[in-house]
Structure formats: structure tokens, C-alpha cells
């Protein structure tokens, strides 16, 4: 099972209408909050739909 954390950057299978396929996770739980890295749009996606749509984790959250 892949563990997604707030702050991770993920690549989705389909790109956003602005052309970017990269999203930052802003919220986890039953729903995922995602912020588009191209235009800054914020969307909420159900966990099941998110897990099917994600292609890869591009960058993990920076830990300090």
C-alpha cells in the first residue's frame, strides 16, 4: 500500500485542462485535496478515484 502525505507531488494519468499533470496533495483522508501545479486550481477527489488516477509520486514531502 502506497502512503500518500500532505505536501507530496504526484503525476496523474490524465492532465488538467491547463496542461499540467502534476498535483500537490493538500489534504488526505476519505477525500484528497489537490492543488494543480500549473494553474493553482484546488479540487477535492474521493480517495478511490484518486488512487486509480495517480500514476506516480514525483516528489515526497521535504522533511526537516
N, C-alpha and C. Protein backbone atom coordinates (compact mmCIF):
# COMPACT_ATOMS: atom_id res chain seq x y z
N UNK A 1 0.85 -1.18 0.00
CA UNK A 1 0.00 0.00 0.00
C UNK A 1 0.89 1.25 0.00
N UNK A 2 0.62 2.14 -0.92
CA UNK A 2 1.38 3.38 -1.01
C UNK A 2 0.85 4.38 0.00
N UNK A 3 1.75 5.04 0.69
CA UNK A 3 1.36 6.02 1.70
C UNK A 3 1.52 7.42 1.13
N UNK A 4 0.43 8.12 0.97
CA UNK A 4 0.45 9.49 0.45
C UNK A 4 0.43 10.45 1.63
N UNK A 5 1.22 11.52 1.55
CA UNK A 5 1.28 12.51 2.62
C UNK A 5 1.03 13.90 2.07
N UNK A 6 0.55 14.78 2.94
CA UNK A 6 0.35 16.18 2.57
C UNK A 6 1.70 16.76 2.17
N UNK A 7 1.74 17.42 1.03
CA UNK A 7 2.98 18.01 0.53
C UNK A 7 3.63 17.22 -0.59
N UNK A 8 3.21 15.96 -0.80
CA UNK A 8 3.75 15.16 -1.89
C UNK A 8 3.27 15.73 -3.23
N UNK A 9 4.12 15.60 -4.26
CA UNK A 9 3.75 15.99 -5.62
C UNK A 9 3.52 14.69 -6.40
N UNK A 10 2.34 14.55 -7.02
CA UNK A 10 2.02 13.34 -7.76
C UNK A 10 1.71 13.67 -9.22
N UNK A 11 1.97 12.69 -10.09
CA UNK A 11 1.61 12.81 -11.51
C UNK A 11 0.37 11.97 -11.73
N UNK A 12 -0.65 12.58 -12.35
CA UNK A 12 -1.90 11.87 -12.63
C UNK A 12 -1.86 11.30 -14.05
N UNK A 13 -2.69 10.29 -14.30
CA UNK A 13 -2.75 9.67 -15.63
C UNK A 13 -3.24 10.67 -16.69
N UNK A 14 -4.24 11.48 -16.33
CA UNK A 14 -4.77 12.48 -17.25
C UNK A 14 -4.32 13.85 -16.78
N UNK A 15 -4.05 14.72 -17.73
CA UNK A 15 -3.62 16.07 -17.36
C UNK A 15 -4.83 16.99 -17.14
N UNK A 16 -4.62 18.04 -16.39
CA UNK A 16 -5.63 19.06 -16.12
C UNK A 16 -5.84 19.86 -17.42
N UNK A 17 -6.99 20.48 -17.62
CA UNK A 17 -7.21 21.28 -18.82
C UNK A 17 -6.15 22.37 -19.07
N UNK A 18 -5.46 22.82 -18.01
CA UNK A 18 -4.41 23.83 -18.19
C UNK A 18 -3.15 23.22 -18.79
N UNK A 19 -3.07 21.88 -18.84
CA UNK A 19 -1.93 21.20 -19.44
C UNK A 19 -1.00 20.52 -18.46
N UNK A 20 -1.11 20.81 -17.18
CA UNK A 20 -0.24 20.22 -16.17
C UNK A 20 -0.82 18.90 -15.66
N UNK A 21 0.05 17.91 -15.43
CA UNK A 21 -0.38 16.63 -14.86
C UNK A 21 0.15 16.48 -13.43
N UNK A 22 0.81 17.52 -12.91
CA UNK A 22 1.38 17.47 -11.56
C UNK A 22 0.46 18.14 -10.56
N UNK A 23 0.27 17.48 -9.41
CA UNK A 23 -0.62 17.99 -8.37
C UNK A 23 0.07 17.86 -7.02
N UNK A 24 -0.16 18.82 -6.14
CA UNK A 24 0.33 18.76 -4.76
C UNK A 24 -0.82 18.30 -3.87
N UNK A 25 -0.55 17.33 -3.00
CA UNK A 25 -1.57 16.85 -2.07
C UNK A 25 -1.64 17.85 -0.91
N UNK A 26 -2.84 18.40 -0.68
CA UNK A 26 -3.03 19.37 0.38
C UNK A 26 -3.86 18.81 1.53
N UNK A 27 -4.53 17.67 1.29
CA UNK A 27 -5.37 17.06 2.32
C UNK A 27 -5.49 15.58 2.03
N UNK A 28 -5.47 14.75 3.07
CA UNK A 28 -5.67 13.31 2.90
C UNK A 28 -6.82 12.87 3.81
N UNK A 29 -7.35 11.70 3.53
CA UNK A 29 -8.46 11.16 4.30
C UNK A 29 -9.41 10.45 3.35
N UNK A 30 -10.70 10.53 3.63
CA UNK A 30 -11.70 9.95 2.74
C UNK A 30 -11.63 10.65 1.38
N UNK A 31 -11.41 11.96 1.40
CA UNK A 31 -11.22 12.75 0.19
C UNK A 31 -9.80 13.29 0.17
N UNK A 32 -9.27 13.50 -1.02
CA UNK A 32 -7.95 14.10 -1.17
C UNK A 32 -8.12 15.51 -1.70
N UNK A 33 -7.42 16.45 -1.10
CA UNK A 33 -7.38 17.82 -1.61
C UNK A 33 -6.14 17.93 -2.48
N UNK A 34 -6.31 18.44 -3.69
CA UNK A 34 -5.20 18.55 -4.63
C UNK A 34 -5.11 19.96 -5.18
N UNK A 35 -3.87 20.44 -5.35
CA UNK A 35 -3.64 21.76 -5.93
C UNK A 35 -2.84 21.57 -7.21
N UNK A 36 -3.37 22.06 -8.33
CA UNK A 36 -2.70 21.95 -9.62
C UNK A 36 -1.41 22.77 -9.60
N UNK A 37 -0.33 22.19 -10.08
CA UNK A 37 0.96 22.88 -10.09
C UNK A 37 1.08 23.81 -11.30
N UNK A 38 0.15 23.72 -12.23
CA UNK A 38 0.17 24.59 -13.40
C UNK A 38 -0.58 25.89 -13.17
N UNK A 39 -1.85 25.79 -12.77
CA UNK A 39 -2.69 26.99 -12.66
C UNK A 39 -3.09 27.32 -11.22
N UNK A 40 -2.84 26.42 -10.28
CA UNK A 40 -3.16 26.70 -8.88
C UNK A 40 -4.58 26.32 -8.47
N UNK A 41 -5.34 25.71 -9.36
CA UNK A 41 -6.72 25.30 -9.05
C UNK A 41 -6.71 24.25 -7.94
N UNK A 42 -7.67 24.34 -7.02
CA UNK A 42 -7.80 23.41 -5.91
C UNK A 42 -9.03 22.54 -6.14
N UNK A 43 -8.87 21.22 -6.02
CA UNK A 43 -10.00 20.30 -6.20
C UNK A 43 -10.01 19.26 -5.08
N UNK A 44 -11.19 18.71 -4.82
CA UNK A 44 -11.35 17.60 -3.88
C UNK A 44 -11.72 16.36 -4.69
N UNK A 45 -11.03 15.24 -4.40
CA UNK A 45 -11.25 14.00 -5.14
C UNK A 45 -11.45 12.86 -4.13
N UNK A 46 -12.47 12.02 -4.31
CA UNK A 46 -12.63 10.86 -3.41
C UNK A 46 -11.40 9.96 -3.47
N UNK A 47 -11.07 9.34 -2.34
CA UNK A 47 -9.86 8.50 -2.24
C UNK A 47 -9.80 7.42 -3.32
N UNK A 48 -10.90 6.72 -3.55
CA UNK A 48 -10.92 5.63 -4.53
C UNK A 48 -10.57 6.15 -5.93
N UNK A 49 -11.17 7.26 -6.31
CA UNK A 49 -10.90 7.85 -7.62
C UNK A 49 -9.46 8.34 -7.71
N UNK A 50 -8.95 8.95 -6.63
CA UNK A 50 -7.57 9.43 -6.60
C UNK A 50 -6.58 8.28 -6.79
N UNK A 51 -6.77 7.19 -6.04
CA UNK A 51 -5.83 6.07 -6.10
C UNK A 51 -5.81 5.41 -7.48
N UNK A 52 -6.93 5.43 -8.20
CA UNK A 52 -6.97 4.89 -9.56
C UNK A 52 -6.32 5.83 -10.56
N UNK A 53 -6.41 7.15 -10.30
CA UNK A 53 -5.94 8.15 -11.26
C UNK A 53 -4.46 8.51 -11.11
N UNK A 54 -3.86 8.21 -9.96
CA UNK A 54 -2.46 8.61 -9.75
C UNK A 54 -1.53 7.66 -10.50
N UNK A 55 -0.52 8.23 -11.14
CA UNK A 55 0.44 7.44 -11.92
C UNK A 55 1.70 7.18 -11.12
N UNK A 56 2.23 8.24 -10.48
CA UNK A 56 3.45 8.08 -9.69
C UNK A 56 3.61 9.25 -8.72
N UNK A 57 4.42 9.02 -7.70
CA UNK A 57 4.80 10.10 -6.80
C UNK A 57 6.08 10.68 -7.36
N UNK A 58 6.03 11.96 -7.74
CA UNK A 58 7.18 12.63 -8.35
C UNK A 58 8.16 13.09 -7.27
N UNK A 59 7.62 13.65 -6.20
CA UNK A 59 8.45 14.22 -5.14
C UNK A 59 7.78 14.01 -3.80
N UNK A 60 8.53 13.46 -2.84
CA UNK A 60 7.99 13.29 -1.50
C UNK A 60 8.13 14.59 -0.72
N UNK A 61 7.29 14.72 0.27
CA UNK A 61 7.33 15.89 1.15
C UNK A 61 8.74 16.06 1.71
N UNK A 62 9.18 17.28 1.74
CA UNK A 62 10.50 17.57 2.30
C UNK A 62 10.43 17.52 3.80
N UNK A 63 11.20 16.64 4.42
CA UNK A 63 11.21 16.55 5.88
C UNK A 63 12.41 17.33 6.43
N UNK A 64 12.17 18.02 7.50
CA UNK A 64 13.23 18.84 8.09
C UNK A 64 13.58 18.35 9.46
